[in-house]
Amino acid sequence: MRFPVRRALFPLMACSVAAGAVLAPAHAAAQGSYPTKPIQLILPFPPGGATDVVGRVIGRKLGERLGQSVVIENRPGAGTIVAASYVAKSAPDGYTLMATSGTTFTVNPAVYAKLPYDPQKNFEPIGMIGSTGLILLANRGVPVNNLKEFVAATKAEPGKYSYGSFGAGTTAHFAAEQLLNLTGTKLLHVPYKGSAPAMTDLIGGQIPFSVDTVAAAIPQLKAGKIKAIAVTTAKRSSLLPNVPTVAESGYPGMDASTWIALVAPHGLPPEIKAKLEKALAESVADPATRKQLTDNGIEPFYAPGKQVTTMIEKEIPQMRAIAQRANIKLD
């Protein structure tokens, strides 16, 4: 996620592959001895969110490049901790990969005192895929249309309103708490196991507000099912040019987004890592893939594993500082 972070990488409903589906490769022949069997790609959120769609788009293209099927498996829960723990304990043979967000590597260590995995020691980053902004959303029936009205309404009736996110300790939760701290407002946090269930409840009126990715929000905004209040990035989203930023709305200093990277368990053989990095770089550079990602609210941006590692090292202390200022703590 890009809070005071560089623009790394996080509208995605365009891909409607069912959970657990097999992404079939094209006729590319596998090079060398790896891979000789299907590759498992773990996604830490349920179908429908930014990470899920990115994973499916990239998984399909990786299958074509590597000459093997890439099998998608969603393992949602605990702000990516369920999936991350599974991958951290998997064999480093190149047959278990994970597409995940900055939540796993920089936000979780900032808000949890203990984690069942080490974000810096248990994974082998393959490369960055892309990024997407975050956005404050409202149910159509809520009498709030901009950030000024949001602040006025929530301050006028303390305790009345709540907001949803795609998980406790996720980039959405982090951004929301930053925003509340910045505006001096308080709302009850309702964490979900992904964007899709949170969006369903937002549309249905079970929650009045939510913070989600631009990628997940765009299809519902286009359909007129929800309202956009403000984006959390420093600049407006090119996909939502009419939606102001938090800073433009009177609260400067907000710049939050989320990035998505491909990783493997630590200890991956160098030759396998090199082959995966090459396949990922080619996949992200592919014009059709880039268009599909862009159409779904993702800014494609490839960076090799080494740069991902450097970014994680840089962001962890930044995230911890933000968590301390906003008093964000999870057990």
Protein backbone atom coordinates (compact mmCIF):
# COMPACT_ATOMS: atom_id res chain seq x y z
CA MET A 1 0.00 0.00 0.00
CA ARG A 2 1.21 3.44 -0.64
CA PHE A 3 0.62 5.51 2.40
CA PRO A 4 3.55 7.91 2.63
CA VAL A 5 5.06 5.43 0.30
CA ARG A 6 6.11 5.65 -3.26
CA ARG A 7 3.67 4.95 -5.99
CA ALA A 8 4.10 1.24 -6.21
CA LEU A 9 1.47 -0.64 -7.51
CA PHE A 10 -2.77 -1.64 -6.14
CA PRO A 11 -11.58 -2.04 -12.04
CA LEU A 12 -11.48 -5.57 -11.39
CA MET A 13 -14.78 -7.28 -11.70
CA ALA A 14 -14.17 -7.85 -15.40
CA CYS A 15 -12.74 -11.26 -14.73
CA SER A 16 -15.47 -13.69 -13.68
CA VAL A 17 -13.54 -16.89 -13.20
CA ALA A 18 -15.03 -19.01 -10.42
CA ALA A 19 -13.06 -19.61 -7.24
CA GLY A 20 -10.77 -22.58 -7.49
CA ALA A 21 -10.87 -22.55 -11.26
CA VAL A 22 -7.93 -23.68 -13.33
CA LEU A 23 -6.39 -21.05 -15.50
CA ALA A 24 -5.40 -22.97 -18.61
CA PRO A 25 -2.11 -22.13 -20.33
CA ALA A 26 -1.75 -21.45 -24.02
CA HIS A 27 0.46 -23.60 -26.21
CA ALA A 28 3.72 -22.29 -24.75
CA ALA A 29 6.14 -25.07 -23.97
CA ALA A 30 7.77 -25.20 -20.56
CA GLN A 31 11.42 -24.33 -20.62
CA GLY A 32 13.83 -26.50 -18.67
CA SER A 33 12.77 -28.85 -15.90
CA TYR A 34 10.52 -26.31 -14.19
CA PRO A 35 7.58 -26.37 -14.17
CA THR A 36 6.58 -29.97 -14.78
CA LYS A 37 3.17 -29.80 -13.09
CA PRO A 38 0.44 -27.24 -12.31
CA ILE A 39 1.33 -24.29 -10.09
CA GLN A 40 -0.82 -23.30 -7.14
CA LEU A 41 -1.49 -19.56 -6.80
CA ILE A 42 -2.83 -18.59 -3.38
CA LEU A 43 -5.00 -15.48 -3.06
CA PRO A 44 -5.61 -14.16 0.48
CA PHE A 45 -9.07 -12.71 -0.22
CA PRO A 46 -12.34 -14.18 -1.52
CA PRO A 47 -13.34 -13.71 -5.17
CA GLY A 48 -14.30 -10.24 -6.30
CA GLY A 49 -11.67 -7.93 -4.82
CA ALA A 50 -8.63 -6.27 -6.32
CA THR A 51 -6.11 -8.92 -5.29
CA ASP A 52 -8.36 -11.72 -6.53
CA VAL A 53 -8.86 -10.19 -9.96
CA VAL A 54 -5.18 -9.30 -10.34
CA GLY A 55 -4.23 -12.82 -9.31
CA ARG A 56 -6.52 -14.39 -11.88
CA VAL A 57 -5.40 -12.10 -14.71
CA ILE A 58 -1.71 -12.63 -13.95
CA GLY A 59 -2.20 -16.32 -13.20
CA ARG A 60 -3.64 -16.90 -16.64
CA LYS A 61 -0.76 -15.11 -18.34
CA LEU A 62 1.86 -16.86 -16.20
CA GLY A 63 0.35 -20.17 -17.25
CA GLU A 64 0.83 -19.20 -20.88
CA ARG A 65 4.42 -18.12 -20.32
CA LEU A 66 5.42 -21.13 -18.23
CA GLY A 67 3.51 -23.77 -20.17
CA GLN A 68 1.63 -25.10 -17.14
CA SER A 69 -1.77 -24.53 -15.61
CA VAL A 70 -1.96 -22.08 -12.72
CA VAL A 71 -4.57 -23.23 -10.20
CA ILE A 72 -6.21 -20.47 -8.19
CA GLU A 73 -7.00 -21.10 -4.53
CA ASN A 74 -8.64 -18.44 -2.37
CA ARG A 75 -7.64 -18.61 1.30
CA PRO A 76 -9.26 -15.56 2.92
CA GLY A 77 -9.14 -14.61 6.55
CA ALA A 78 -7.44 -12.51 9.24
CA GLY A 79 -6.23 -9.77 6.94
CA THR A 80 -4.20 -12.14 4.69
CA ILE A 81 -2.66 -13.95 7.69
CA VAL A 82 -4.38 -17.26 6.88
CA ALA A 83 -2.97 -17.38 3.35
CA ALA A 84 0.42 -15.93 4.27
CA SER A 85 0.93 -18.51 7.02
CA TYR A 86 0.10 -21.32 4.61
CA VAL A 87 2.50 -20.10 1.96
CA ALA A 88 5.27 -19.39 4.47
CA LYS A 89 5.18 -23.07 5.51
CA SER A 90 4.99 -24.45 1.96
CA ALA A 91 7.89 -26.04 0.10
CA PRO A 92 10.05 -23.47 -1.76
CA ASP A 93 9.87 -25.38 -5.03
CA GLY A 94 8.05 -22.86 -7.21
CA TYR A 95 4.75 -24.74 -7.15
CA THR A 96 3.17 -22.59 -4.43
CA LEU A 97 2.96 -18.86 -5.09
CA MET A 98 0.93 -16.04 -3.58
CA ALA A 99 -0.36 -12.78 -5.03
CA THR A 100 -0.95 -10.44 -2.14
CA SER A 101 -1.00 -6.82 -1.06
CA GLY A 102 1.11 -4.62 1.17
CA THR A 103 -1.20 -5.70 3.99
CA THR A 104 0.80 -8.92 4.34
CA PHE A 105 4.24 -7.33 4.50
CA THR A 106 3.98 -3.80 5.87
CA VAL A 107 0.60 -3.27 7.54
CA ASN A 108 0.24 -6.50 9.51
CA PRO A 109 3.63 -6.14 11.23
CA ALA A 110 2.66 -2.56 12.11
CA VAL A 111 -0.62 -3.43 13.82
CA TYR A 112 -0.08 -6.93 15.22
CA ALA A 113 2.25 -7.55 18.17
CA LYS A 114 2.82 -11.12 16.92
CA LEU A 115 2.40 -12.82 13.55
CA PRO A 116 2.61 -16.53 12.65
CA TYR A 117 4.99 -15.58 9.82
CA ASP A 118 7.91 -13.22 9.32
CA PRO A 119 7.14 -10.80 6.46
CA GLN A 120 10.84 -10.28 5.73
CA LYS A 121 12.25 -13.76 6.26
CA ASN A 122 9.57 -16.24 5.16
CA PHE A 123 8.99 -15.09 1.59
CA GLU A 124 10.84 -14.73 -1.70
CA PRO A 125 9.41 -11.77 -3.64
CA ILE A 126 9.12 -12.50 -7.37
CA GLY A 127 8.01 -9.03 -8.41
CA MET A 128 5.48 -6.24 -8.26
CA ILE A 129 2.32 -6.41 -10.37
CA GLY A 130 0.47 -3.16 -9.82
CA SER A 131 -1.36 -0.79 -7.46
CA THR A 132 -4.79 0.73 -6.90
CA GLY A 133 -6.06 3.64 -4.84
CA LEU A 134 -8.47 3.45 -1.93
CA ILE A 135 -11.78 5.25 -1.66
CA LEU A 136 -14.38 6.22 0.94
CA LEU A 137 -17.79 4.98 -0.20
CA ALA A 138 -21.35 5.47 1.02
CA ASN A 139 -24.67 3.67 0.71
CA ARG A 140 -27.04 5.44 -1.70
CA GLY A 141 -29.51 6.20 1.09
CA VAL A 142 -27.07 7.94 3.41
CA PRO A 143 -27.48 11.77 3.27
CA VAL A 144 -23.75 12.30 2.68
CA ASN A 145 -22.29 13.26 -0.69
CA ASN A 146 -18.86 14.67 0.12
CA LEU A 147 -16.25 14.58 2.86
CA LYS A 148 -17.49 17.80 4.50
CA GLU A 149 -20.95 16.28 4.87
CA PHE A 150 -19.42 12.99 6.09
CA VAL A 151 -17.55 14.78 8.88
CA ALA A 152 -20.60 16.86 9.83
CA ALA A 153 -22.93 13.86 9.94
CA THR A 154 -20.63 11.60 11.93
CA LYS A 155 -19.79 14.33 14.45
CA ALA A 156 -23.43 15.34 14.86
CA GLU A 157 -24.48 11.81 15.88
CA PRO A 158 -21.54 10.07 17.57
CA GLY A 159 -21.90 6.30 17.67
CA LYS A 160 -24.55 6.14 14.96
CA TYR A 161 -22.37 5.30 11.99
CA SER A 162 -20.03 2.46 11.12
CA TYR A 163 -17.77 1.62 8.22
CA GLY A 164 -16.75 -1.63 6.61
CA SER A 165 -13.39 -2.74 5.22
CA PHE A 166 -12.09 -5.86 3.51
CA GLY A 167 -10.49 -7.03 6.74
CA ALA A 168 -9.02 -6.03 10.09
CA GLY A 169 -5.43 -4.92 9.67
CA THR A 170 -5.74 -4.50 5.91
CA THR A 171 -4.77 -1.47 3.87
CA ALA A 172 -8.44 -0.40 3.81
CA HIS A 173 -8.67 -0.54 7.61
CA PHE A 174 -5.39 1.33 7.90
CA ALA A 175 -6.48 4.06 5.45
CA ALA A 176 -9.86 4.42 7.15
CA GLU A 177 -8.32 4.91 10.58
CA GLN A 178 -5.91 7.46 9.14
CA LEU A 179 -8.84 9.31 7.63
CA LEU A 180 -10.83 9.25 10.87
CA ASN A 181 -7.81 10.47 12.80
CA LEU A 182 -7.27 13.24 10.27
CA THR A 183 -10.89 14.42 10.38
CA GLY A 184 -11.37 13.95 14.12
CA THR A 185 -14.26 11.53 13.66
CA LYS A 186 -15.06 8.14 15.18
CA LEU A 187 -16.89 5.25 13.52
CA LEU A 188 -17.27 1.61 14.46
CA HIS A 189 -15.11 -0.62 12.25
CA VAL A 190 -16.84 -3.66 10.73
CA PRO A 191 -14.21 -5.95 9.17
CA TYR A 192 -15.14 -8.41 6.41
CA LYS A 193 -13.28 -11.28 4.78
CA GLY A 194 -12.78 -9.42 1.53
CA SER A 195 -14.19 -6.68 -0.68
CA ALA A 196 -17.11 -8.67 -2.07
CA PRO A 197 -18.99 -9.29 1.21
CA ALA A 198 -18.27 -5.74 2.40
CA MET A 199 -19.60 -4.33 -0.87
CA THR A 200 -22.73 -6.49 -0.66
CA ASP A 201 -23.54 -5.10 2.78
CA LEU A 202 -22.76 -1.54 1.71
CA ILE A 203 -25.16 -1.81 -1.22
CA GLY A 204 -27.77 -3.48 0.98
CA GLY A 205 -27.54 -0.82 3.68
CA GLN A 206 -26.19 -3.07 6.44
CA ILE A 207 -23.30 -0.61 6.72
CA PRO A 208 -23.51 3.08 5.74
CA PHE A 209 -19.89 3.55 4.70
CA SER A 210 -16.86 1.54 3.62
CA VAL A 211 -13.29 2.01 2.51
CA ASP A 212 -12.33 -0.19 -0.43
CA THR A 213 -10.07 -0.25 -3.44
CA VAL A 214 -10.89 1.86 -6.47
CA ALA A 215 -10.72 -1.37 -8.44
CA ALA A 216 -13.48 -3.03 -6.44
CA ALA A 217 -15.61 0.11 -6.31
CA ILE A 218 -15.72 1.09 -9.99
CA PRO A 219 -18.24 -1.52 -11.25
CA GLN A 220 -20.70 -0.63 -8.47
CA LEU A 221 -20.18 3.12 -8.95
CA LYS A 222 -20.83 2.77 -12.68
CA ALA A 223 -24.00 0.85 -11.90
CA GLY A 224 -25.13 3.61 -9.55
CA LYS A 225 -25.39 1.28 -6.57
CA ILE A 226 -23.12 3.25 -4.20
CA LYS A 227 -21.70 6.77 -3.82
CA ALA A 228 -18.07 7.90 -3.94
CA ILE A 229 -17.06 10.39 -1.24
CA ALA A 230 -13.30 10.85 -1.65
CA VAL A 231 -10.19 8.98 -2.77
CA THR A 232 -7.31 8.62 -0.33
CA THR A 233 -4.50 9.09 -2.84
CA ALA A 234 -2.55 12.33 -3.34
CA LYS A 235 -3.99 12.74 -6.84
CA ARG A 236 -7.39 11.94 -8.30
CA SER A 237 -7.82 8.56 -9.90
CA SER A 238 -7.73 8.69 -13.70
CA LEU A 239 -10.61 6.22 -13.62
CA LEU A 240 -12.69 8.44 -11.30
CA PRO A 241 -11.72 11.95 -12.39
CA ASN A 242 -14.78 13.56 -10.81
CA VAL A 243 -14.12 12.18 -7.33
CA PRO A 244 -12.04 14.58 -5.18
CA THR A 245 -9.15 13.53 -2.97
CA VAL A 246 -9.25 13.77 0.81
CA ALA A 247 -6.70 16.59 0.56
CA GLU A 248 -8.85 18.52 -1.92
CA SER A 249 -11.76 18.08 0.46
CA GLY A 250 -9.99 20.05 3.18
CA TYR A 251 -7.76 17.49 4.88
CA PRO A 252 -4.23 17.58 3.43
CA GLY A 253 -1.63 14.92 4.13
CA MET A 254 -3.56 11.83 3.06
CA ASP A 255 -1.93 9.56 0.48
CA ALA A 256 -2.91 5.91 0.74
CA SER A 257 -3.05 3.16 -1.85
CA THR A 258 -2.40 -0.55 -1.97
CA TRP A 259 0.03 -2.58 -4.05
CA ILE A 260 0.03 -6.20 -5.14
CA ALA A 261 3.07 -8.43 -5.57
CA LEU A 262 3.83 -12.05 -6.40
CA VAL A 263 5.83 -14.01 -3.84
CA ALA A 264 6.98 -17.56 -3.10
CA PRO A 265 8.15 -19.28 0.09
CA HIS A 266 11.68 -18.35 1.16
CA GLY A 267 14.44 -20.58 -0.18
CA LEU A 268 13.29 -20.69 -3.79
CA PRO A 269 16.12 -22.00 -6.04
CA PRO A 270 17.73 -19.11 -7.99
CA GLU A 271 17.04 -20.66 -11.39
CA ILE A 272 13.34 -21.07 -10.59
CA LYS A 273 13.11 -17.54 -9.21
CA ALA A 274 14.77 -16.18 -12.36
CA LYS A 275 12.29 -18.04 -14.57
CA LEU A 276 9.33 -16.75 -12.54
CA GLU A 277 10.63 -13.19 -12.58
CA LYS A 278 11.03 -13.32 -16.34
CA ALA A 279 7.54 -14.76 -16.80
CA LEU A 280 6.02 -12.13 -14.50
CA ALA A 281 7.85 -9.26 -16.19
CA GLU A 282 6.64 -10.45 -19.60
CA SER A 283 3.10 -10.91 -18.26
CA VAL A 284 2.87 -7.39 -16.83
CA ALA A 285 4.37 -5.94 -20.03
CA ASP A 286 1.86 -7.74 -22.26
CA PRO A 287 -0.42 -5.06 -23.83
CA ALA A 288 -3.61 -7.10 -23.52
CA THR A 289 -2.88 -7.91 -19.88
CA ARG A 290 -2.07 -4.29 -19.08
CA LYS A 291 -5.33 -3.19 -20.64
CA GLN A 292 -7.28 -5.75 -18.67
CA LEU A 293 -5.67 -4.61 -15.43
CA THR A 294 -6.12 -0.93 -16.26
CA ASP A 295 -9.76 -1.44 -17.24
CA ASN A 296 -10.27 -2.95 -13.80
CA GLY A 297 -8.70 -0.07 -11.87
CA ILE A 298 -5.17 -1.39 -11.51
CA GLU A 299 -2.04 0.53 -12.47
CA PRO A 300 0.28 -2.17 -13.90
CA PHE A 301 3.81 -1.70 -12.62
CA TYR A 302 6.49 -4.36 -12.72
CA ALA A 303 9.46 -4.28 -10.36
CA PRO A 304 11.77 -7.26 -9.71
CA GLY A 305 11.83 -9.14 -6.43
CA LYS A 306 14.85 -7.28 -5.11
CA GLN A 307 13.04 -3.96 -5.38
CA VAL A 308 9.99 -5.40 -3.64
CA THR A 309 12.22 -6.47 -0.76
CA THR A 310 13.72 -2.99 -0.54
CA MET A 311 10.27 -1.40 -0.56
CA ILE A 312 9.04 -3.67 2.24
CA GLU A 313 12.07 -2.76 4.36
CA LYS A 314 11.35 0.92 3.80
CA GLU A 315 7.61 0.77 4.40
CA ILE A 316 7.50 -1.25 7.63
CA PRO A 317 8.83 1.56 9.86
CA GLN A 318 6.62 4.05 8.04
CA MET A 319 3.54 1.94 8.66
CA ARG A 320 4.47 1.47 12.31
CA ALA A 321 4.76 5.22 12.73
CA ILE A 322 1.32 5.74 11.17
CA ALA A 323 -0.20 2.99 13.33
CA GLN A 324 1.21 4.62 16.44
CA ARG A 325 -0.12 8.07 15.53
CA ALA A 326 -3.57 6.71 14.65
CA ASN A 327 -3.53 4.27 17.59
CA ILE A 328 -4.24 1.25 15.39
CA LYS A 329 -3.61 -2.00 17.26
CA LEU A 330 -4.88 -5.53 16.74
CA ASP A 331 -4.56 -8.66 18.87
